[in-house]
N, C-alpha and C. Protein backbone atom coordinates (compact mmCIF):
# COMPACT_ATOMS: atom_id res chain seq x y z
N MET A 1 95.90 117.49 159.04
CA MET A 1 96.92 118.43 158.60
C MET A 1 97.11 119.57 159.60
N ASP A 2 96.03 119.94 160.30
CA ASP A 2 96.15 121.02 161.28
C ASP A 2 97.10 120.66 162.42
N ARG A 3 97.35 119.36 162.62
CA ARG A 3 98.25 118.94 163.69
C ARG A 3 99.72 119.11 163.30
N ILE A 4 100.01 119.08 162.00
CA ILE A 4 101.41 119.17 161.58
C ILE A 4 101.81 120.54 161.06
N GLY A 5 100.84 121.42 160.85
CA GLY A 5 101.16 122.75 160.35
C GLY A 5 99.97 123.67 160.49
N ARG A 6 100.11 124.85 159.93
CA ARG A 6 99.00 125.81 159.97
C ARG A 6 98.57 126.13 158.54
N ARG A 7 97.31 126.43 158.39
CA ARG A 7 96.79 126.75 157.06
C ARG A 7 97.47 128.02 156.55
N SER A 8 97.84 127.98 155.29
CA SER A 8 98.48 129.16 154.70
C SER A 8 97.46 129.90 153.85
N VAL A 9 97.89 131.01 153.32
CA VAL A 9 97.02 131.80 152.43
C VAL A 9 97.16 131.35 150.98
N PHE A 10 97.98 130.33 150.72
CA PHE A 10 98.27 129.88 149.37
C PHE A 10 97.38 128.74 148.94
N ALA A 11 97.08 128.71 147.65
CA ALA A 11 96.38 127.58 147.05
C ALA A 11 97.42 126.69 146.39
N CYS A 12 97.15 125.40 146.37
CA CYS A 12 98.07 124.45 145.74
C CYS A 12 98.17 124.75 144.24
N PRO A 13 99.38 124.89 143.72
CA PRO A 13 99.55 125.16 142.29
C PRO A 13 99.01 124.04 141.40
N ASP A 14 98.90 122.82 141.94
CA ASP A 14 98.42 121.69 141.14
C ASP A 14 96.91 121.51 141.21
N CYS A 15 96.37 121.43 142.43
CA CYS A 15 94.94 121.11 142.57
C CYS A 15 94.12 122.29 143.08
N HIS A 16 94.78 123.38 143.46
CA HIS A 16 94.16 124.62 143.94
C HIS A 16 93.47 124.46 145.29
N GLY A 17 93.81 123.40 146.01
CA GLY A 17 93.29 123.20 147.36
C GLY A 17 94.08 124.03 148.37
N ILE A 18 93.62 123.98 149.60
CA ILE A 18 94.27 124.71 150.69
C ILE A 18 95.65 124.11 150.95
N MET A 19 96.61 124.99 151.22
CA MET A 19 97.96 124.55 151.56
C MET A 19 98.19 124.77 153.05
N TRP A 20 98.93 123.85 153.64
CA TRP A 20 99.37 123.99 155.02
C TRP A 20 100.85 124.34 155.00
N GLU A 21 101.23 125.24 155.89
CA GLU A 21 102.63 125.62 156.04
C GLU A 21 103.21 124.80 157.18
N ILE A 22 104.28 124.08 156.88
CA ILE A 22 104.89 123.19 157.85
C ILE A 22 106.32 123.65 158.07
N GLU A 23 106.64 124.01 159.30
CA GLU A 23 107.99 124.46 159.63
C GLU A 23 108.75 123.31 160.23
N GLU A 24 109.91 123.05 159.67
CA GLU A 24 110.81 122.01 160.18
C GLU A 24 112.17 122.65 160.38
N GLY A 25 112.36 123.23 161.55
CA GLY A 25 113.59 123.97 161.81
C GLY A 25 113.61 125.21 160.94
N GLU A 26 114.65 125.35 160.13
CA GLU A 26 114.76 126.50 159.24
C GLU A 26 114.06 126.26 157.91
N LEU A 27 113.62 125.06 157.66
CA LEU A 27 112.97 124.70 156.40
C LEU A 27 111.46 124.90 156.52
N VAL A 28 110.88 125.56 155.51
CA VAL A 28 109.43 125.74 155.44
C VAL A 28 108.94 124.97 154.21
N ARG A 29 107.94 124.13 154.44
CA ARG A 29 107.34 123.37 153.34
C ARG A 29 105.86 123.69 153.28
N TYR A 30 105.27 123.42 152.13
CA TYR A 30 103.84 123.59 151.94
C TYR A 30 103.28 122.27 151.43
N ARG A 31 102.11 121.91 151.97
CA ARG A 31 101.49 120.65 151.57
C ARG A 31 99.98 120.84 151.54
N CYS A 32 99.34 120.26 150.51
CA CYS A 32 97.89 120.35 150.41
C CYS A 32 97.24 119.06 150.93
N HIS A 33 95.94 119.06 151.01
CA HIS A 33 95.22 117.90 151.54
C HIS A 33 95.34 116.67 150.64
N VAL A 34 95.66 116.88 149.35
CA VAL A 34 95.82 115.77 148.41
C VAL A 34 97.19 115.12 148.58
N GLY A 35 98.17 115.93 149.02
CA GLY A 35 99.51 115.40 149.22
C GLY A 35 100.58 116.09 148.41
N HIS A 36 100.21 117.05 147.55
CA HIS A 36 101.22 117.81 146.83
C HIS A 36 102.06 118.58 147.85
N ALA A 37 103.37 118.54 147.69
CA ALA A 37 104.26 119.18 148.66
C ALA A 37 105.31 120.00 147.94
N TYR A 38 105.65 121.14 148.54
CA TYR A 38 106.62 122.07 147.95
C TYR A 38 107.49 122.66 149.03
N SER A 39 108.76 122.88 148.70
CA SER A 39 109.57 123.74 149.55
C SER A 39 109.14 125.17 149.23
N ALA A 40 109.56 126.13 150.04
CA ALA A 40 109.18 127.52 149.79
C ALA A 40 109.70 127.98 148.43
N GLU A 41 110.92 127.59 148.07
CA GLU A 41 111.50 128.01 146.79
C GLU A 41 110.75 127.40 145.61
N ILE A 42 110.41 126.12 145.70
CA ILE A 42 109.69 125.47 144.61
C ILE A 42 108.27 126.02 144.53
N MET A 43 107.67 126.34 145.67
CA MET A 43 106.34 126.95 145.69
C MET A 43 106.37 128.27 144.93
N SER A 44 107.41 129.05 145.14
CA SER A 44 107.55 130.33 144.44
C SER A 44 107.62 130.12 142.93
N LEU A 45 108.40 129.15 142.50
CA LEU A 45 108.51 128.85 141.07
C LEU A 45 107.18 128.37 140.50
N ALA A 46 106.46 127.54 141.24
CA ALA A 46 105.17 127.03 140.78
C ALA A 46 104.15 128.16 140.66
N LEU A 47 104.15 129.08 141.62
CA LEU A 47 103.24 130.22 141.55
C LEU A 47 103.58 131.13 140.37
N ASP A 48 104.88 131.31 140.10
CA ASP A 48 105.30 132.10 138.93
C ASP A 48 104.79 131.46 137.64
N GLU A 49 104.90 130.14 137.55
CA GLU A 49 104.46 129.42 136.36
C GLU A 49 102.95 129.55 136.18
N ASN A 50 102.20 129.44 137.28
CA ASN A 50 100.75 129.61 137.19
C ASN A 50 100.37 131.01 136.73
N LEU A 51 101.11 132.00 137.21
CA LEU A 51 100.87 133.38 136.80
C LEU A 51 101.12 133.55 135.30
N LYS A 52 102.21 132.96 134.80
CA LYS A 52 102.51 133.04 133.36
C LYS A 52 101.40 132.40 132.54
N ARG A 53 100.90 131.24 132.99
CA ARG A 53 99.80 130.58 132.27
C ARG A 53 98.54 131.44 132.28
N ALA A 54 98.25 132.06 133.43
CA ALA A 54 97.06 132.90 133.53
C ALA A 54 97.17 134.12 132.61
N PHE A 55 98.35 134.74 132.59
CA PHE A 55 98.55 135.87 131.69
C PHE A 55 98.37 135.43 130.23
N GLY A 56 98.93 134.28 129.89
CA GLY A 56 98.80 133.78 128.52
C GLY A 56 97.36 133.53 128.14
N SER A 57 96.59 132.94 129.04
CA SER A 57 95.17 132.68 128.78
C SER A 57 94.40 133.98 128.62
N ALA A 58 94.67 134.94 129.50
CA ALA A 58 93.99 136.23 129.42
C ALA A 58 94.32 136.94 128.11
N LEU A 59 95.58 136.91 127.71
CA LEU A 59 95.98 137.57 126.47
C LEU A 59 95.34 136.91 125.25
N ARG A 60 95.32 135.58 125.23
CA ARG A 60 94.67 134.87 124.12
C ARG A 60 93.18 135.23 124.03
N ALA A 61 92.50 135.26 125.18
CA ALA A 61 91.07 135.60 125.19
C ALA A 61 90.85 137.02 124.68
N LEU A 62 91.69 137.95 125.11
CA LEU A 62 91.54 139.33 124.64
C LEU A 62 91.86 139.46 123.15
N ASP A 63 92.87 138.76 122.68
CA ASP A 63 93.19 138.80 121.25
C ASP A 63 92.03 138.25 120.42
N GLU A 64 91.37 137.22 120.93
CA GLU A 64 90.20 136.69 120.22
C GLU A 64 89.05 137.69 120.23
N ARG A 65 88.85 138.37 121.34
CA ARG A 65 87.79 139.39 121.41
C ARG A 65 88.08 140.52 120.42
N ILE A 66 89.33 140.92 120.32
CA ILE A 66 89.72 141.98 119.38
C ILE A 66 89.42 141.54 117.95
N ALA A 67 89.86 140.33 117.61
CA ALA A 67 89.65 139.82 116.25
C ALA A 67 88.16 139.74 115.91
N LEU A 68 87.36 139.27 116.85
CA LEU A 68 85.93 139.16 116.60
C LEU A 68 85.29 140.54 116.47
N ALA A 69 85.67 141.47 117.33
CA ALA A 69 85.12 142.82 117.26
C ALA A 69 85.47 143.47 115.93
N ARG A 70 86.71 143.29 115.48
CA ARG A 70 87.12 143.87 114.18
C ARG A 70 86.33 143.22 113.03
N LYS A 71 86.11 141.93 113.11
CA LYS A 71 85.34 141.23 112.08
C LYS A 71 83.90 141.74 112.06
N LEU A 72 83.29 141.88 113.23
CA LEU A 72 81.92 142.38 113.31
C LEU A 72 81.82 143.83 112.86
N GLU A 73 82.86 144.61 113.15
CA GLU A 73 82.92 146.00 112.67
C GLU A 73 82.93 146.02 111.14
N MET A 74 83.75 145.18 110.54
CA MET A 74 83.85 145.12 109.08
C MET A 74 82.52 144.68 108.46
N GLN A 75 81.90 143.66 109.04
CA GLN A 75 80.62 143.19 108.51
C GLN A 75 79.54 144.27 108.62
N ALA A 76 79.53 144.99 109.73
CA ALA A 76 78.54 146.06 109.91
C ALA A 76 78.78 147.17 108.90
N ASN A 77 80.04 147.51 108.66
CA ASN A 77 80.36 148.53 107.65
C ASN A 77 79.91 148.08 106.27
N GLN A 78 80.16 146.83 105.93
CA GLN A 78 79.79 146.31 104.61
C GLN A 78 78.28 146.28 104.39
N SER A 79 77.53 146.14 105.46
CA SER A 79 76.07 146.11 105.32
C SER A 79 75.43 147.47 105.60
N GLY A 80 76.26 148.52 105.71
CA GLY A 80 75.75 149.87 105.85
C GLY A 80 75.24 150.22 107.25
N ARG A 81 75.61 149.45 108.23
CA ARG A 81 75.18 149.74 109.61
C ARG A 81 76.31 150.46 110.35
N SER A 82 76.46 151.72 110.05
CA SER A 82 77.62 152.48 110.56
C SER A 82 77.60 152.65 112.08
N ASN A 83 76.43 152.82 112.68
CA ASN A 83 76.38 152.97 114.15
C ASN A 83 76.86 151.70 114.84
N ILE A 84 76.44 150.56 114.34
CA ILE A 84 76.89 149.29 114.92
C ILE A 84 78.39 149.12 114.68
N ALA A 85 78.85 149.50 113.48
CA ALA A 85 80.28 149.39 113.17
C ALA A 85 81.10 150.25 114.14
N LYS A 86 80.63 151.46 114.43
CA LYS A 86 81.33 152.33 115.38
C LYS A 86 81.36 151.71 116.77
N SER A 87 80.27 151.09 117.16
CA SER A 87 80.22 150.44 118.46
C SER A 87 81.25 149.32 118.55
N TRP A 88 81.35 148.50 117.50
CA TRP A 88 82.34 147.42 117.50
C TRP A 88 83.76 147.96 117.46
N ALA A 89 83.97 149.06 116.75
CA ALA A 89 85.30 149.68 116.70
C ALA A 89 85.71 150.17 118.09
N THR A 90 84.76 150.77 118.80
CA THR A 90 85.03 151.24 120.17
C THR A 90 85.37 150.07 121.09
N LYS A 91 84.59 149.00 120.97
CA LYS A 91 84.86 147.81 121.79
C LYS A 91 86.24 147.24 121.48
N ALA A 92 86.60 147.19 120.20
CA ALA A 92 87.91 146.66 119.82
C ALA A 92 89.03 147.49 120.44
N LEU A 93 88.88 148.81 120.45
CA LEU A 93 89.89 149.67 121.06
C LEU A 93 89.98 149.42 122.57
N GLU A 94 88.85 149.21 123.22
CA GLU A 94 88.86 148.92 124.65
C GLU A 94 89.55 147.58 124.92
N PHE A 95 89.25 146.57 124.10
CA PHE A 95 89.89 145.27 124.26
C PHE A 95 91.40 145.37 124.03
N GLU A 96 91.81 146.20 123.06
CA GLU A 96 93.24 146.39 122.79
C GLU A 96 93.93 147.04 123.98
N ALA A 97 93.26 148.00 124.62
CA ALA A 97 93.83 148.65 125.81
C ALA A 97 93.99 147.63 126.94
N GLU A 98 92.99 146.76 127.11
CA GLU A 98 93.08 145.72 128.13
C GLU A 98 94.23 144.75 127.81
N ALA A 99 94.37 144.38 126.55
CA ALA A 99 95.44 143.47 126.15
C ALA A 99 96.80 144.11 126.40
N ASN A 100 96.90 145.42 126.19
CA ASN A 100 98.17 146.10 126.45
C ASN A 100 98.53 146.10 127.93
N VAL A 101 97.53 146.16 128.80
CA VAL A 101 97.78 146.06 130.24
C VAL A 101 98.37 144.69 130.56
N ILE A 102 97.79 143.65 129.97
CA ILE A 102 98.31 142.29 130.21
C ILE A 102 99.72 142.16 129.65
N ARG A 103 99.96 142.69 128.44
CA ARG A 103 101.31 142.63 127.85
C ARG A 103 102.33 143.35 128.74
N ASP A 104 101.94 144.51 129.28
CA ASP A 104 102.84 145.24 130.19
C ASP A 104 103.11 144.43 131.46
N SER A 105 102.08 143.77 131.96
CA SER A 105 102.25 142.94 133.16
C SER A 105 103.18 141.77 132.88
N ILE A 106 103.04 141.16 131.72
CA ILE A 106 103.94 140.05 131.34
C ILE A 106 105.37 140.55 131.26
N ARG A 107 105.55 141.70 130.64
CA ARG A 107 106.90 142.27 130.50
C ARG A 107 107.52 142.56 131.88
N ARG A 108 106.73 143.16 132.78
CA ARG A 108 107.24 143.47 134.13
C ARG A 108 107.56 142.19 134.90
N THR A 109 106.70 141.19 134.77
CA THR A 109 106.95 139.92 135.45
C THR A 109 108.23 139.27 134.94
N ASP A 110 108.43 139.31 133.63
CA ASP A 110 109.66 138.75 133.04
C ASP A 110 110.89 139.51 133.53
N GLU A 111 110.79 140.84 133.63
CA GLU A 111 111.91 141.65 134.10
C GLU A 111 112.26 141.30 135.55
N ILE A 112 111.25 141.14 136.38
CA ILE A 112 111.47 140.78 137.78
C ILE A 112 112.14 139.41 137.87
N ALA A 113 111.63 138.46 137.10
CA ALA A 113 112.20 137.11 137.11
C ALA A 113 113.66 137.13 136.66
N ALA A 114 113.97 137.93 135.64
CA ALA A 114 115.35 138.04 135.15
C ALA A 114 116.27 138.64 136.20
N ARG A 115 115.80 139.62 136.95
CA ARG A 115 116.61 140.23 138.00
C ARG A 115 116.95 139.24 139.09
N PHE A 116 115.97 138.42 139.47
CA PHE A 116 116.21 137.48 140.56
C PHE A 116 116.96 136.25 140.09
N ALA A 117 116.96 135.98 138.79
CA ALA A 117 117.70 134.83 138.25
C ALA A 117 119.18 135.13 138.14
N ALA A 118 119.51 136.42 138.07
CA ALA A 118 120.92 136.81 137.89
C ALA A 118 121.71 136.71 139.17
């Protein structure tokens, strides 16, 4: 692959392997060692899709952490362990703040995509 192009800084959206940048006149393509190939425009779309999936996974994980922390807070309160309940309440608030960062990032990413789609 080093004979037909140069290694890029991008990972393959499909297999996450190294991508080579191949210039053919005015056309730039990307290809990994497995054989996945993308034009620059399709590569951009694939990277956007991977980012959306990553944001979704992060948000789901944080929402689960929030739900579990709230459940553990409730159980601690019910069993009279107020210090532990306060600790879980604090953690839940921290997880909610992290989830809000991800939600804001999703919103900004969607706004950018909408601007370029128009």
